[in-house]
Amino acid sequence: MLLAGDIGGTKTWLGLYRPAPDRPEPLQAREFATLAFQSLGDIVETFLKAASVPSSEIDAACFGVAGPVTDQVARLTNVPWPVDGAELAERIGLAETVLVNDLEATAYAVPVLEPHELDVLQEGIAQPEGNAAIIAAGTGLGEALLHNVDGRFIPSPSEGGHADFSARTPREMELASDLIRQYGRAHVEHVLSGPGLVNIHHFTHRGPCDAVGEPAKRSEMPRLISASALERRCPQCVETLDLFVAAYGAEAGNLALRSVATAGVYLGGGIAPKILPALESGAFLEAFRAKEPMVDLLATIPVSVILNRRAGLLGAAVHANDIVAAGG
């Protein structure tokens, strides 16, 4: 049996899978509020106890964590506690345990996704021998590369979400200046994330927004802003989402160029599936392609939104499956 985890700043998914040649078979999964626990070990113990599964039945475990992983230790970007793979394995009694970056985990899922789990924004002309890339806006912004090595995608993590935000228009330059005043620098995650959408909203409004109101939790703001924009209830909310979508397209195009992702660019994370009408409006692809002299290249790169909300969990299971197949 395989144990998989997708540990994010807001939510943590854990799941049990049965090993299979290509795509592991899901057995059960459960969602947890990450910050309601003091450690990943607490979450895993709660999950396994509820599932009535002893650790001795688990052949391999893989956890995707929202932060950089060094020597199997991760400090999550938006979570106050660290994750130590060796300590976790010893505490739970797991034989084979590995930590990977959360976008690296999602990248492992890309080759096994079914057509109905994708929404195609740009058909393009996929090059089977090419690389691929994934970008995911959610609680934070993640990016990962999929290097094509002898016909097989090998995921590689990055912390590109914390690179500098590249303003392209006078309005984006105003936004960047506003972010620099607030944070000392403007990085991509300040724009492309749930909190980033709130940053843009504050920039466009400069005051109260009747369409959004005063939600009980700041974490509810991105959903309310997106709904207001998609329903066109507030011109400033519309501009907020327009700025977000254009910046998302531009950064996805930057990632495509850096990785030469001729096999495809994939949008993961929780935000993209919720704003599909905005992503399909044309502004995303216009910003994605607008990179002379590489316009023609970018126009041939397939671009898809991942609709499977458990893709990170699936990818972690795929990697655990690979560990079992390789004999540990």
C-alpha atoms as a PDB file:
ATOM      1  CA  MET A   1       0.000   0.000   0.000  1.00  0.00           C
ATOM      2  CA  LEU A   2       1.162   3.560  -0.736  1.00  0.00           C
ATOM      3  CA  LEU A   3       0.775   6.630   1.496  1.00  0.00           C
ATOM      4  CA  ALA A   4       0.699   9.986  -0.287  1.00  0.00           C
ATOM      5  CA  GLY A   5       0.464  13.522   1.035  1.00  0.00           C
ATOM      6  CA  ASP A   6      -0.003  17.004  -0.398  1.00  0.00           C
ATOM      7  CA  ILE A   7       0.850  19.482   2.349  1.00  0.00           C
ATOM      8  CA  GLY A   8      -0.081  23.078   1.579  1.00  0.00           C
ATOM      9  CA  GLY A   9      -0.250  26.299   3.534  1.00  0.00           C
ATOM     10  CA  THR A  10      -4.015  26.007   3.941  1.00  0.00           C
ATOM     11  CA  LYS A  11      -5.000  22.401   3.279  1.00  0.00           C
ATOM     12  CA  THR A  12      -3.332  19.024   3.609  1.00  0.00           C
ATOM     13  CA  TRP A  13      -4.546  15.978   1.676  1.00  0.00           C
ATOM     14  CA  LEU A  14      -3.494  12.481   2.677  1.00  0.00           C
ATOM     15  CA  GLY A  15      -4.388   9.376   0.711  1.00  0.00           C
ATOM     16  CA  LEU A  16      -3.847   5.647   0.514  1.00  0.00           C
ATOM     17  CA  TYR A  17      -3.267   4.010  -2.870  1.00  0.00           C
ATOM     18  CA  ARG A  18      -2.753   0.535  -4.254  1.00  0.00           C
ATOM     19  CA  PRO A  19       0.398   0.165  -6.413  1.00  0.00           C
ATOM     20  CA  ALA A  20      -0.263  -0.225 -10.159  1.00  0.00           C
ATOM     21  CA  PRO A  21       1.966  -0.266 -13.270  1.00  0.00           C
ATOM     22  CA  ASP A  22       1.184   3.286 -14.420  1.00  0.00           C
ATOM     23  CA  ARG A  23      -1.298   5.119 -12.227  1.00  0.00           C
ATOM     24  CA  PRO A  24      -1.804   4.031  -8.586  1.00  0.00           C
ATOM     25  CA  GLU A  25      -5.353   3.119  -7.623  1.00  0.00           C
ATOM     26  CA  PRO A  26      -6.911   5.363  -4.947  1.00  0.00           C
ATOM     27  CA  LEU A  27      -8.316   3.652  -1.874  1.00  0.00           C
ATOM     28  CA  GLN A  28      -9.256   6.542   0.394  1.00  0.00           C
ATOM     29  CA  ALA A  29      -8.299  10.159   0.988  1.00  0.00           C
ATOM     30  CA  ARG A  30      -9.012  12.857   3.523  1.00  0.00           C
ATOM     31  CA  GLU A  31      -8.517  16.609   3.754  1.00  0.00           C
ATOM     32  CA  PHE A  32      -7.170  18.394   6.850  1.00  0.00           C
ATOM     33  CA  ALA A  33      -6.723  22.038   7.848  1.00  0.00           C
ATOM     34  CA  THR A  34      -2.928  22.283   7.957  1.00  0.00           C
ATOM     35  CA  LEU A  35      -2.658  24.890  10.693  1.00  0.00           C
ATOM     36  CA  ALA A  36      -5.026  22.959  12.973  1.00  0.00           C
ATOM     37  CA  PHE A  37      -2.103  20.601  13.721  1.00  0.00           C
ATOM     38  CA  GLN A  38       1.304  21.075  15.308  1.00  0.00           C
ATOM     39  CA  SER A  39       3.177  18.820  12.881  1.00  0.00           C
ATOM     40  CA  LEU A  40       2.794  16.634   9.829  1.00  0.00           C
ATOM     41  CA  GLY A  41       3.292  13.625  12.104  1.00  0.00           C
ATOM     42  CA  ASP A  42       0.138  14.576  13.998  1.00  0.00           C
ATOM     43  CA  ILE A  43      -1.838  14.696  10.747  1.00  0.00           C
ATOM     44  CA  VAL A  44      -0.486  11.367   9.502  1.00  0.00           C
ATOM     45  CA  GLU A  45      -1.218   9.628  12.803  1.00  0.00           C
ATOM     46  CA  THR A  46      -4.771  10.998  12.809  1.00  0.00           C
ATOM     47  CA  PHE A  47      -5.307   9.831   9.236  1.00  0.00           C
ATOM     48  CA  LEU A  48      -3.936   6.316   9.683  1.00  0.00           C
ATOM     49  CA  LYS A  49      -5.850   5.817  12.926  1.00  0.00           C
ATOM     50  CA  ALA A  50      -9.131   6.826  11.259  1.00  0.00           C
ATOM     51  CA  ALA A  51      -8.329   4.576   8.273  1.00  0.00           C
ATOM     52  CA  SER A  52      -7.482   1.646  10.589  1.00  0.00           C
ATOM     53  CA  VAL A  53      -4.271   1.063   8.635  1.00  0.00           C
ATOM     54  CA  PRO A  54      -1.080   0.137  10.507  1.00  0.00           C
ATOM     55  CA  SER A  55       2.148   1.659   9.220  1.00  0.00           C
ATOM     56  CA  SER A  56       3.525  -1.859   8.631  1.00  0.00           C
ATOM     57  CA  GLU A  57       1.157  -2.205   5.644  1.00  0.00           C
ATOM     58  CA  ILE A  58       2.638   0.828   3.874  1.00  0.00           C
ATOM     59  CA  ASP A  59       5.350  -0.038   1.355  1.00  0.00           C
ATOM     60  CA  ALA A  60       6.351   3.549   0.542  1.00  0.00           C
ATOM     61  CA  ALA A  61       5.289   7.090   1.406  1.00  0.00           C
ATOM     62  CA  CYS A  62       5.786  10.350  -0.451  1.00  0.00           C
ATOM     63  CA  PHE A  63       4.803  13.809   0.774  1.00  0.00           C
ATOM     64  CA  GLY A  64       4.721  16.932  -1.373  1.00  0.00           C
ATOM     65  CA  VAL A  65       5.382  19.967   0.828  1.00  0.00           C
ATOM     66  CA  ALA A  66       4.919  23.650   0.032  1.00  0.00           C
ATOM     67  CA  GLY A  67       8.522  24.742   0.362  1.00  0.00           C
ATOM     68  CA  PRO A  68      12.100  23.846  -0.559  1.00  0.00           C
ATOM     69  CA  VAL A  69      13.387  20.419   0.494  1.00  0.00           C
ATOM     70  CA  THR A  70      17.044  20.016   1.500  1.00  0.00           C
ATOM     71  CA  ASP A  71      18.412  16.692   2.765  1.00  0.00           C
ATOM     72  CA  GLN A  72      14.837  15.506   3.301  1.00  0.00           C
ATOM     73  CA  VAL A  73      14.043  18.457   5.585  1.00  0.00           C
ATOM     74  CA  ALA A  74      11.547  21.104   4.543  1.00  0.00           C
ATOM     75  CA  ARG A  75      10.569  24.449   5.996  1.00  0.00           C
ATOM     76  CA  LEU A  76       7.179  25.213   4.550  1.00  0.00           C
ATOM     77  CA  THR A  77       6.778  28.721   3.198  1.00  0.00           C
ATOM     78  CA  ASN A  78       3.404  29.452   4.800  1.00  0.00           C
ATOM     79  CA  VAL A  79       3.422  26.958   7.704  1.00  0.00           C
ATOM     80  CA  PRO A  80       5.216  27.562  11.052  1.00  0.00           C
ATOM     81  CA  TRP A  81       6.486  24.018  11.589  1.00  0.00           C
ATOM     82  CA  PRO A  82       9.215  22.127   9.687  1.00  0.00           C
ATOM     83  CA  VAL A  83       8.985  18.624   8.228  1.00  0.00           C
ATOM     84  CA  ASP A  84      11.858  16.180   8.719  1.00  0.00           C
ATOM     85  CA  GLY A  85      11.456  13.086   6.565  1.00  0.00           C
ATOM     86  CA  ALA A  86      13.678  10.861   8.728  1.00  0.00           C
ATOM     87  CA  GLU A  87      11.958  11.905  11.959  1.00  0.00           C
ATOM     88  CA  LEU A  88       8.541  11.412  10.388  1.00  0.00           C
ATOM     89  CA  ALA A  89       9.443   7.917   9.150  1.00  0.00           C
ATOM     90  CA  GLU A  90      10.768   6.928  12.583  1.00  0.00           C
ATOM     91  CA  ARG A  91       7.766   8.354  14.437  1.00  0.00           C
ATOM     92  CA  ILE A  92       5.145   6.705  12.216  1.00  0.00           C
ATOM     93  CA  GLY A  93       7.133   3.555  11.485  1.00  0.00           C
ATOM     94  CA  LEU A  94       7.369   3.999   7.711  1.00  0.00           C
ATOM     95  CA  ALA A  95       9.880   1.955   5.743  1.00  0.00           C
ATOM     96  CA  GLU A  96      10.414   4.106   2.637  1.00  0.00           C
ATOM     97  CA  THR A  97       9.636   7.819   3.038  1.00  0.00           C
ATOM     98  CA  VAL A  98      10.533  10.738   0.777  1.00  0.00           C
ATOM     99  CA  LEU A  99       9.760  14.452   0.819  1.00  0.00           C
ATOM    100  CA  VAL A 100       9.505  16.468  -2.399  1.00  0.00           C
ATOM    101  CA  ASN A 101       8.432  20.001  -3.184  1.00  0.00           C
ATOM    102  CA  ASP A 102       4.660  20.204  -3.690  1.00  0.00           C
ATOM    103  CA  LEU A 103       4.927  21.313  -7.320  1.00  0.00           C
ATOM    104  CA  GLU A 104       7.454  18.567  -7.951  1.00  0.00           C
ATOM    105  CA  ALA A 105       4.821  16.151  -6.623  1.00  0.00           C
ATOM    106  CA  THR A 106       2.178  17.609  -8.945  1.00  0.00           C
ATOM    107  CA  ALA A 107       4.634  17.301 -11.824  1.00  0.00           C
ATOM    108  CA  TYR A 108       4.812  13.539 -11.236  1.00  0.00           C
ATOM    109  CA  ALA A 109       1.058  13.426 -11.938  1.00  0.00           C
ATOM    110  CA  VAL A 110       1.247  15.190 -15.314  1.00  0.00           C
ATOM    111  CA  PRO A 111       2.166  12.131 -17.438  1.00  0.00           C
ATOM    112  CA  VAL A 112      -0.725  10.069 -16.018  1.00  0.00           C
ATOM    113  CA  LEU A 113      -3.520  12.661 -16.227  1.00  0.00           C
ATOM    114  CA  GLU A 114      -6.510  11.711 -18.366  1.00  0.00           C
ATOM    115  CA  PRO A 115      -7.966  14.096 -21.018  1.00  0.00           C
ATOM    116  CA  HIS A 116     -11.052  14.803 -18.890  1.00  0.00           C
ATOM    117  CA  GLU A 117      -8.752  16.037 -16.108  1.00  0.00           C
ATOM    118  CA  LEU A 118      -7.465  18.862 -18.312  1.00  0.00           C
ATOM    119  CA  ASP A 119      -9.005  22.006 -19.810  1.00  0.00           C
ATOM    120  CA  VAL A 120      -7.065  22.998 -22.929  1.00  0.00           C
ATOM    121  CA  LEU A 121      -6.405  26.722 -23.303  1.00  0.00           C
ATOM    122  CA  GLN A 122      -4.083  26.350 -26.312  1.00  0.00           C
ATOM    123  CA  GLU A 123      -3.917  23.171 -28.385  1.00  0.00           C
ATOM    124  CA  GLY A 124      -0.478  23.949 -29.780  1.00  0.00           C
ATOM    125  CA  ILE A 125       1.706  21.307 -31.357  1.00  0.00           C
ATOM    126  CA  ALA A 126       3.171  19.099 -28.649  1.00  0.00           C
ATOM    127  CA  GLN A 127       6.735  17.898 -29.189  1.00  0.00           C
ATOM    128  CA  PRO A 128       7.067  14.420 -27.629  1.00  0.00           C
ATOM    129  CA  GLU A 129      10.793  14.893 -27.117  1.00  0.00           C
ATOM    130  CA  GLY A 130      10.346  18.306 -25.474  1.00  0.00           C
ATOM    131  CA  ASN A 131      10.304  19.442 -21.876  1.00  0.00           C
ATOM    132  CA  ALA A 132       7.176  20.473 -19.964  1.00  0.00           C
ATOM    133  CA  ALA A 133       6.499  22.851 -17.078  1.00  0.00           C
ATOM    134  CA  ILE A 134       3.897  23.489 -14.419  1.00  0.00           C
ATOM    135  CA  ILE A 135       2.863  26.697 -12.661  1.00  0.00           C
ATOM    136  CA  ALA A 136       0.317  26.768  -9.861  1.00  0.00           C
ATOM    137  CA  ALA A 137      -1.262  29.717  -8.076  1.00  0.00           C
ATOM    138  CA  GLY A 138      -2.992  28.936  -4.795  1.00  0.00           C
ATOM    139  CA  THR A 139      -2.076  29.875  -1.237  1.00  0.00           C
ATOM    140  CA  GLY A 140       1.318  30.633  -2.770  1.00  0.00           C
ATOM    141  CA  LEU A 141       2.835  30.297  -6.247  1.00  0.00           C
ATOM    142  CA  GLY A 142       4.701  27.172  -7.256  1.00  0.00           C
ATOM    143  CA  GLU A 143       6.661  26.348 -10.385  1.00  0.00           C
ATOM    144  CA  ALA A 144       8.369  23.153 -11.525  1.00  0.00           C
ATOM    145  CA  LEU A 145      10.065  21.809 -14.627  1.00  0.00           C
ATOM    146  CA  LEU A 146       9.671  18.421 -16.266  1.00  0.00           C
ATOM    147  CA  HIS A 147      12.895  17.566 -18.071  1.00  0.00           C
ATOM    148  CA  ASN A 148      12.500  15.058 -20.878  1.00  0.00           C
ATOM    149  CA  VAL A 149      15.226  12.444 -20.394  1.00  0.00           C
ATOM    150  CA  ASP A 150      15.139   9.572 -22.876  1.00  0.00           C
ATOM    151  CA  GLY A 151      11.406   9.989 -23.369  1.00  0.00           C
ATOM    152  CA  ARG A 152      10.545  10.149 -19.667  1.00  0.00           C
ATOM    153  CA  PHE A 153       9.646  13.286 -17.725  1.00  0.00           C
ATOM    154  CA  ILE A 154      11.883  13.895 -14.699  1.00  0.00           C
ATOM    155  CA  PRO A 155      10.379  16.563 -12.397  1.00  0.00           C
ATOM    156  CA  SER A 156      12.638  19.276 -11.038  1.00  0.00           C
ATOM    157  CA  PRO A 157      11.490  21.732  -8.350  1.00  0.00           C
ATOM    158  CA  SER A 158      12.061  25.458  -8.261  1.00  0.00           C
ATOM    159  CA  GLU A 159      11.311  28.449  -6.072  1.00  0.00           C
ATOM    160  CA  GLY A 160      10.433  30.605  -9.073  1.00  0.00           C
ATOM    161  CA  GLY A 161       7.367  31.953  -7.304  1.00  0.00           C
ATOM    162  CA  HIS A 162       9.693  34.060  -5.175  1.00  0.00           C
ATOM    163  CA  ALA A 163      11.531  35.571  -8.150  1.00  0.00           C
ATOM    164  CA  ASP A 164      11.006  39.254  -8.900  1.00  0.00           C
ATOM    165  CA  PHE A 165       7.685  40.320 -10.398  1.00  0.00           C
ATOM    166  CA  SER A 166       8.287  41.604 -13.935  1.00  0.00           C
ATOM    167  CA  ALA A 167       5.917  44.481 -14.683  1.00  0.00           C
ATOM    168  CA  ARG A 168       5.166  44.865 -18.406  1.00  0.00           C
ATOM    169  CA  THR A 169       2.696  47.754 -18.616  1.00  0.00           C
ATOM    170  CA  PRO A 170       2.361  51.193 -16.983  1.00  0.00           C
ATOM    171  CA  ARG A 171      -0.471  49.867 -14.788  1.00  0.00           C
ATOM    172  CA  GLU A 172       1.613  46.874 -13.694  1.00  0.00           C
ATOM    173  CA  MET A 173       4.493  49.231 -12.918  1.00  0.00           C
ATOM    174  CA  GLU A 174       2.157  51.160 -10.612  1.00  0.00           C
ATOM    175  CA  LEU A 175       1.202  47.860  -8.983  1.00  0.00           C
ATOM    176  CA  ALA A 176       4.865  46.884  -8.571  1.00  0.00           C
ATOM    177  CA  SER A 177       5.636  50.252  -6.954  1.00  0.00           C
ATOM    178  CA  ASP A 178       2.725  49.755  -4.572  1.00  0.00           C
ATOM    179  CA  LEU A 179       4.009  46.281  -3.607  1.00  0.00           C
ATOM    180  CA  ILE A 180       7.554  47.579  -3.101  1.00  0.00           C
ATOM    181  CA  ARG A 181       6.233  50.234  -0.712  1.00  0.00           C
ATOM    182  CA  GLN A 182       4.465  47.511   1.264  1.00  0.00           C
ATOM    183  CA  TYR A 183       6.985  44.671   1.208  1.00  0.00           C
ATOM    184  CA  GLY A 184      10.349  46.165   0.255  1.00  0.00           C
ATOM    185  CA  ARG A 185      10.342  44.186  -2.993  1.00  0.00           C
ATOM    186  CA  ALA A 186       7.741  42.789  -5.361  1.00  0.00           C
ATOM    187  CA  HIS A 187       7.976  39.093  -6.102  1.00  0.00           C
ATOM    188  CA  VAL A 188       5.701  37.031  -8.300  1.00  0.00           C
ATOM    189  CA  GLU A 189       3.828  35.432  -5.406  1.00  0.00           C
ATOM    190  CA  HIS A 190       2.794  38.913  -4.226  1.00  0.00           C
ATOM    191  CA  VAL A 191       0.635  38.982  -7.378  1.00  0.00           C
ATOM    192  CA  LEU A 192      -0.057  35.373  -8.373  1.00  0.00           C
ATOM    193  CA  SER A 193      -1.608  33.687  -5.336  1.00  0.00           C
ATOM    194  CA  GLY A 194      -4.704  34.005  -3.206  1.00  0.00           C
ATOM    195  CA  PRO A 195      -3.064  36.715  -1.074  1.00  0.00           C
ATOM    196  CA  GLY A 196      -1.724  38.205  -4.310  1.00  0.00           C
ATOM    197  CA  LEU A 197      -5.260  38.618  -5.641  1.00  0.00           C
ATOM    198  CA  VAL A 198      -6.071  40.471  -2.422  1.00  0.00           C
ATOM    199  CA  ASN A 199      -3.000  42.694  -2.939  1.00  0.00           C
ATOM    200  CA  ILE A 200      -4.219  43.604  -6.424  1.00  0.00           C
ATOM    201  CA  HIS A 201      -7.732  44.229  -5.077  1.00  0.00           C
ATOM    202  CA  HIS A 202      -6.396  46.708  -2.528  1.00  0.00           C
ATOM    203  CA  PHE A 203      -4.377  48.393  -5.273  1.00  0.00           C
ATOM    204  CA  THR A 204      -7.371  48.847  -7.588  1.00  0.00           C
ATOM    205  CA  HIS A 205      -9.818  49.977  -4.900  1.00  0.00           C
ATOM    206  CA  ARG A 206      -8.013  52.244  -2.448  1.00  0.00           C
ATOM    207  CA  GLY A 207     -10.983  51.880  -0.146  1.00  0.00           C
ATOM    208  CA  PRO A 208     -13.975  49.693   0.762  1.00  0.00           C
ATOM    209  CA  CYS A 209     -15.508  47.411  -1.872  1.00  0.00           C
ATOM    210  CA  ASP A 210     -19.263  46.993  -1.518  1.00  0.00           C
ATOM    211  CA  ALA A 211     -19.266  43.990  -3.862  1.00  0.00           C
ATOM    212  CA  VAL A 212     -16.893  42.064  -1.579  1.00  0.00           C
ATOM    213  CA  GLY A 213     -17.741  43.556   1.806  1.00  0.00           C
ATOM    214  CA  GLU A 214     -15.864  42.616   4.967  1.00  0.00           C
ATOM    215  CA  PRO A 215     -15.490  38.813   5.095  1.00  0.00           C
ATOM    216  CA  ALA A 216     -14.951  37.156   8.454  1.00  0.00           C
ATOM    217  CA  LYS A 217     -11.628  35.739   7.247  1.00  0.00           C
ATOM    218  CA  ARG A 218      -9.057  37.243   4.901  1.00  0.00           C
ATOM    219  CA  SER A 219      -8.731  33.781   3.319  1.00  0.00           C
ATOM    220  CA  GLU A 220     -12.281  34.201   1.951  1.00  0.00           C
ATOM    221  CA  MET A 221     -11.315  37.333   0.007  1.00  0.00           C
ATOM    222  CA  PRO A 222      -9.933  35.684  -3.177  1.00  0.00           C
ATOM    223  CA  ARG A 223     -13.151  33.721  -3.729  1.00  0.00           C
ATOM    224  CA  LEU A 224     -15.316  36.810  -3.172  1.00  0.00           C
ATOM    225  CA  ILE A 225     -13.153  38.980  -5.422  1.00  0.00           C
ATOM    226  CA  SER A 226     -13.205  36.395  -8.231  1.00  0.00           C
ATOM    227  CA  ALA A 227     -16.980  35.947  -7.966  1.00  0.00           C
ATOM    228  CA  SER A 228     -17.555  39.696  -8.103  1.00  0.00           C
ATOM    229  CA  ALA A 229     -15.271  40.011 -11.129  1.00  0.00           C
ATOM    230  CA  LEU A 230     -16.747  37.074 -13.040  1.00  0.00           C
ATOM    231  CA  GLU A 231     -20.277  38.385 -12.384  1.00  0.00           C
ATOM    232  CA  ARG A 232     -19.082  41.912 -13.325  1.00  0.00           C
ATOM    233  CA  ARG A 233     -20.599  43.431 -10.200  1.00  0.00           C
ATOM    234  CA  CYS A 234     -17.700  45.825  -9.600  1.00  0.00           C
ATOM    235  CA  PRO A 235     -15.458  47.496 -12.248  1.00  0.00           C
ATOM    236  CA  GLN A 236     -12.472  47.520  -9.893  1.00  0.00           C
ATOM    237  CA  CYS A 237     -12.919  43.797  -9.165  1.00  0.00           C
ATOM    238  CA  VAL A 238     -13.006  43.196 -12.923  1.00  0.00           C
ATOM    239  CA  GLU A 239      -9.740  45.095 -13.279  1.00  0.00           C
ATOM    240  CA  THR A 240      -8.296  43.103 -10.361  1.00  0.00           C
ATOM    241  CA  LEU A 241      -8.970  39.797 -12.083  1.00  0.00           C
ATOM    242  CA  ASP A 242      -7.830  41.172 -15.456  1.00  0.00           C
ATOM    243  CA  LEU A 243      -4.476  42.177 -13.945  1.00  0.00           C
ATOM    244  CA  PHE A 244      -4.172  38.781 -12.259  1.00  0.00           C
ATOM    245  CA  VAL A 245      -4.944  36.834 -15.445  1.00  0.00           C
ATOM    246  CA  ALA A 246      -2.547  38.873 -17.588  1.00  0.00           C
ATOM    247  CA  ALA A 247       0.252  38.522 -15.030  1.00  0.00           C
ATOM    248  CA  TYR A 248      -0.454  34.769 -14.810  1.00  0.00           C
ATOM    249  CA  GLY A 249      -0.195  34.428 -18.586  1.00  0.00           C
ATOM    250  CA  ALA A 250       3.017  36.453 -18.705  1.00  0.00           C
ATOM    251  CA  GLU A 251       4.689  34.416 -15.954  1.00  0.00           C
ATOM    252  CA  ALA A 252       3.552  31.137 -17.547  1.00  0.00           C
ATOM    253  CA  GLY A 253       5.134  32.334 -20.778  1.00  0.00           C
ATOM    254  CA  ASN A 254       8.359  33.205 -18.932  1.00  0.00           C
ATOM    255  CA  LEU A 255       8.435  29.700 -17.468  1.00  0.00           C
ATOM    256  CA  ALA A 256       7.774  28.192 -20.902  1.00  0.00           C
ATOM    257  CA  LEU A 257      10.779  30.047 -22.312  1.00  0.00           C
ATOM    258  CA  ARG A 258      13.079  29.187 -19.424  1.00  0.00           C
ATOM    259  CA  SER A 259      12.278  25.487 -19.704  1.00  0.00           C
ATOM    260  CA  VAL A 260      11.657  25.379 -23.492  1.00  0.00           C
ATOM    261  CA  ALA A 261       8.419  23.585 -22.599  1.00  0.00           C
ATOM    262  CA  THR A 262       7.521  22.408 -26.087  1.00  0.00           C
ATOM    263  CA  ALA A 263       5.686  19.387 -24.634  1.00  0.00           C
ATOM    264  CA  GLY A 264       3.303  21.629 -22.738  1.00  0.00           C
ATOM    265  CA  VAL A 265       2.678  24.074 -19.905  1.00  0.00           C
ATOM    266  CA  TYR A 266       0.230  23.063 -17.186  1.00  0.00           C
ATOM    267  CA  LEU A 267      -1.620  25.296 -14.752  1.00  0.00           C
ATOM    268  CA  GLY A 268      -2.120  23.630 -11.396  1.00  0.00           C
ATOM    269  CA  GLY A 269      -3.235  24.954  -8.034  1.00  0.00           C
ATOM    270  CA  GLY A 270      -6.646  25.810  -6.700  1.00  0.00           C
ATOM    271  CA  ILE A 271      -7.267  29.139  -8.419  1.00  0.00           C
ATOM    272  CA  ALA A 272      -7.123  28.293 -12.131  1.00  0.00           C
ATOM    273  CA  PRO A 273     -10.113  25.884 -12.229  1.00  0.00           C
ATOM    274  CA  LYS A 274     -12.227  28.470 -10.378  1.00  0.00           C
ATOM    275  CA  ILE A 275     -11.575  31.264 -12.887  1.00  0.00           C
ATOM    276  CA  LEU A 276     -11.680  29.283 -16.138  1.00  0.00           C
ATOM    277  CA  PRO A 277     -13.928  31.820 -17.928  1.00  0.00           C
ATOM    278  CA  ALA A 278     -11.346  34.529 -17.275  1.00  0.00           C
ATOM    279  CA  LEU A 279      -8.466  32.305 -18.382  1.00  0.00           C
ATOM    280  CA  GLU A 280     -10.361  31.384 -21.550  1.00  0.00           C
ATOM    281  CA  SER A 281     -11.162  35.018 -22.407  1.00  0.00           C
ATOM    282  CA  GLY A 282      -7.957  35.486 -24.412  1.00  0.00           C
ATOM    283  CA  ALA A 283      -6.020  37.802 -22.089  1.00  0.00           C
ATOM    284  CA  PHE A 284      -4.047  34.934 -20.563  1.00  0.00           C
ATOM    285  CA  LEU A 285      -2.822  33.590 -23.906  1.00  0.00           C
ATOM    286  CA  GLU A 286      -2.171  37.086 -25.254  1.00  0.00           C
ATOM    287  CA  ALA A 287       0.210  37.739 -22.360  1.00  0.00           C
ATOM    288  CA  PHE A 288       1.636  34.203 -22.641  1.00  0.00           C
ATOM    289  CA  ARG A 289       2.605  34.729 -26.292  1.00  0.00           C
ATOM    290  CA  ALA A 290       3.596  38.425 -26.259  1.00  0.00           C
ATOM    291  CA  LYS A 291       7.337  37.842 -26.094  1.00  0.00           C
ATOM    292  CA  GLU A 292       9.032  38.897 -29.301  1.00  0.00           C
ATOM    293  CA  PRO A 293      10.972  37.343 -30.929  1.00  0.00           C
ATOM    294  CA  MET A 294       9.538  34.097 -29.487  1.00  0.00           C
ATOM    295  CA  VAL A 295       5.860  34.652 -30.349  1.00  0.00           C
ATOM    296  CA  ASP A 296       5.741  31.827 -32.894  1.00  0.00           C
ATOM    297  CA  LEU A 297       7.389  29.361 -30.518  1.00  0.00           C
ATOM    298  CA  LEU A 298       4.984  30.203 -27.683  1.00  0.00           C
ATOM    299  CA  ALA A 299       1.997  29.891 -30.017  1.00  0.00           C
ATOM    300  CA  THR A 300       2.910  26.235 -30.615  1.00  0.00           C
ATOM    301  CA  ILE A 301       3.247  25.270 -26.934  1.00  0.00           C
ATOM    302  CA  PRO A 302       0.200  23.407 -25.558  1.00  0.00           C
ATOM    303  CA  VAL A 303      -1.295  25.060 -22.468  1.00  0.00           C
ATOM    304  CA  SER A 304      -3.768  23.281 -20.179  1.00  0.00           C
ATOM    305  CA  VAL A 305      -5.422  23.773 -16.805  1.00  0.00           C
ATOM    306  CA  ILE A 306      -5.314  20.780 -14.448  1.00  0.00           C
ATOM    307  CA  LEU A 307      -8.881  20.147 -13.266  1.00  0.00           C
ATOM    308  CA  ASN A 308      -8.060  17.284 -10.889  1.00  0.00           C
ATOM    309  CA  ARG A 309      -7.984  19.038  -7.517  1.00  0.00           C
ATOM    310  CA  ARG A 310      -5.992  16.170  -6.034  1.00  0.00           C
ATOM    311  CA  ALA A 311      -3.253  16.204  -8.658  1.00  0.00           C
ATOM    312  CA  GLY A 312      -0.592  16.898  -6.039  1.00  0.00           C
ATOM    313  CA  LEU A 313      -1.751  13.927  -4.006  1.00  0.00           C
ATOM    314  CA  LEU A 314      -1.850  11.736  -7.106  1.00  0.00           C
ATOM    315  CA  GLY A 315       1.658  12.832  -8.064  1.00  0.00           C
ATOM    316  CA  ALA A 316       2.988  11.954  -4.622  1.00  0.00           C
ATOM    317  CA  ALA A 317       1.388   8.507  -5.011  1.00  0.00           C
ATOM    318  CA  VAL A 318       2.973   8.140  -8.469  1.00  0.00           C
ATOM    319  CA  HIS A 319       6.410   8.846  -7.010  1.00  0.00           C
ATOM    320  CA  ALA A 320       5.804   6.408  -4.127  1.00  0.00           C
ATOM    321  CA  ASN A 321       4.719   3.882  -6.754  1.00  0.00           C
ATOM    322  CA  ASP A 322       8.009   4.447  -8.603  1.00  0.00           C
ATOM    323  CA  ILE A 323       9.934   3.800  -5.374  1.00  0.00           C
ATOM    324  CA  VAL A 324       8.161   0.459  -4.904  1.00  0.00           C
ATOM    325  CA  ALA A 325       8.677  -0.476  -8.563  1.00  0.00           C
ATOM    326  CA  ALA A 326      12.390   0.288  -8.247  1.00  0.00           C
ATOM    327  CA  GLY A 327      12.599  -1.939  -5.198  1.00  0.00           C
ATOM    328  CA  GLY A 328      13.047   0.929  -2.760  1.00  0.00           C
END
